[in-house]
Amino acid sequence: MIQLNPEKVAKLHSFDDLLDKEYGKTGTPSREAFHEKALAYYYGEILKDRRSELKITQQQLADRIGKNRSYIAYIEQGKTDMQLSTFFTISNALGLSVELRPT
């Protein structure tokens, strides 16, 4: 069995503590901006991974949904915020289902 050093454990910070220090407390404008960028990156990664699984290019995906390839690149890099309708359109083109449910 592994024994943890209580003094070292006491010095550990939670992820929320680190985010508070770097971006401010939850609800502050800087923390909310970070959260929005993090979500854009997260959803972009999901879409990029699926596109890669299907072995289609950004251009092929763009052609399927009537957008520019550069727009797909921005989404995959988390550099742009997309409308919900665009997310559903891309998800559908990639054969992904999206489920909305209460938290």
Protein backbone atom coordinates (compact mmCIF):
# COMPACT_ATOMS: atom_id res chain seq x y z
CA MET A 1 0.00 0.00 0.00
CA ILE A 2 1.28 3.46 -0.88
CA GLN A 3 1.69 5.92 1.95
CA LEU A 4 1.14 9.59 1.15
CA ASN A 5 3.07 12.28 2.92
CA PRO A 6 0.43 14.42 4.71
CA GLU A 7 2.60 17.55 4.48
CA LYS A 8 2.92 17.19 0.71
CA VAL A 9 -0.79 16.40 0.32
CA ALA A 10 -1.65 19.58 2.24
CA LYS A 11 0.35 21.61 -0.30
CA LEU A 12 -1.53 20.23 -3.30
CA HIS A 13 -3.95 22.54 -5.06
CA SER A 14 -7.19 21.58 -6.72
CA PHE A 15 -7.72 22.33 -10.37
CA ASP A 16 -10.30 24.96 -9.36
CA ASP A 17 -7.69 26.63 -7.13
CA LEU A 18 -5.32 26.83 -10.08
CA LEU A 19 -8.03 28.22 -12.36
CA ASP A 20 -9.02 30.76 -9.70
CA LYS A 21 -5.42 31.94 -9.47
CA GLU A 22 -4.89 32.13 -13.23
CA TYR A 23 -8.31 33.32 -14.48
CA GLY A 24 -10.21 34.56 -11.44
CA LYS A 25 -13.12 33.10 -9.53
CA THR A 26 -16.05 31.41 -11.26
CA GLY A 27 -18.43 34.07 -12.55
CA THR A 28 -15.79 36.71 -13.22
CA PRO A 29 -15.46 37.92 -16.82
CA SER A 30 -11.95 36.50 -17.22
CA ARG A 31 -12.98 33.08 -15.89
CA GLU A 32 -16.06 33.00 -18.14
CA ALA A 33 -13.92 33.94 -21.16
CA PHE A 34 -11.55 31.08 -20.31
CA HIS A 35 -14.49 28.70 -19.97
CA GLU A 36 -15.88 29.69 -23.37
CA LYS A 37 -12.49 29.21 -25.04
CA ALA A 38 -12.05 25.85 -23.32
CA LEU A 39 -15.45 24.66 -24.57
CA ALA A 40 -14.71 25.85 -28.11
CA TYR A 41 -11.45 23.87 -28.02
CA TYR A 42 -13.16 20.79 -26.54
CA TYR A 43 -15.92 20.66 -29.14
CA GLY A 44 -13.43 21.36 -31.91
CA GLU A 45 -11.38 18.37 -30.77
CA ILE A 46 -14.44 16.11 -30.80
CA LEU A 47 -15.28 17.14 -34.35
CA LYS A 48 -11.67 16.88 -35.54
CA ASP A 49 -11.27 13.40 -34.01
CA ARG A 50 -14.45 12.18 -35.70
CA ARG A 51 -13.43 13.67 -39.05
CA SER A 52 -10.08 11.91 -38.74
CA GLU A 53 -11.80 8.61 -37.89
CA LEU A 54 -13.83 8.95 -41.09
CA LYS A 55 -10.67 9.81 -43.03
CA ILE A 56 -12.17 12.88 -44.66
CA THR A 57 -10.38 16.16 -45.19
CA GLN A 58 -11.40 19.53 -43.85
CA GLN A 59 -12.28 20.48 -47.43
CA GLN A 60 -14.54 17.46 -47.86
CA LEU A 61 -16.34 18.29 -44.62
CA ALA A 62 -16.63 21.94 -45.62
CA ASP A 63 -18.13 20.91 -48.96
CA ARG A 64 -20.68 18.69 -47.18
CA ILE A 65 -21.96 21.56 -45.06
CA GLY A 66 -21.47 24.47 -47.44
CA LYS A 67 -18.73 26.27 -45.49
CA ASN A 68 -15.14 27.25 -46.21
CA ARG A 69 -12.29 24.92 -45.27
CA SER A 70 -10.71 27.69 -43.22
CA TYR A 71 -13.85 27.85 -41.07
CA ILE A 72 -13.55 24.13 -40.33
CA ALA A 73 -9.89 24.67 -39.40
CA TYR A 74 -10.80 27.50 -37.01
CA ILE A 75 -13.45 25.33 -35.36
CA GLU A 76 -11.07 22.40 -34.97
CA GLN A 77 -8.45 24.68 -33.42
CA GLY A 78 -10.98 26.19 -31.02
CA LYS A 79 -10.34 29.63 -32.49
CA THR A 80 -13.94 30.48 -33.26
CA ASP A 81 -17.24 30.14 -31.50
CA MET A 82 -19.83 28.42 -33.65
CA GLN A 83 -23.57 28.68 -33.54
CA LEU A 84 -25.45 25.72 -32.13
CA SER A 85 -27.07 25.13 -35.52
CA THR A 86 -23.60 24.88 -37.10
CA PHE A 87 -22.50 22.38 -34.45
CA PHE A 88 -25.55 20.24 -35.21
CA THR A 89 -24.93 20.51 -38.96
CA ILE A 90 -21.30 19.45 -38.64
CA SER A 91 -22.16 16.70 -36.16
CA ASN A 92 -24.79 15.33 -38.53
CA ALA A 93 -22.37 15.44 -41.47
CA LEU A 94 -19.92 13.41 -39.37
CA GLY A 95 -22.54 10.88 -38.30
CA LEU A 96 -22.59 12.06 -34.69
CA SER A 97 -25.75 12.37 -32.64
CA VAL A 98 -26.15 15.16 -30.13
CA GLU A 99 -28.27 14.75 -27.05
CA LEU A 100 -29.44 17.67 -24.93
CA ARG A 101 -30.52 16.86 -21.40
CA PRO A 102 -30.93 18.71 -18.14
CA THR A 103 -27.91 18.84 -15.86
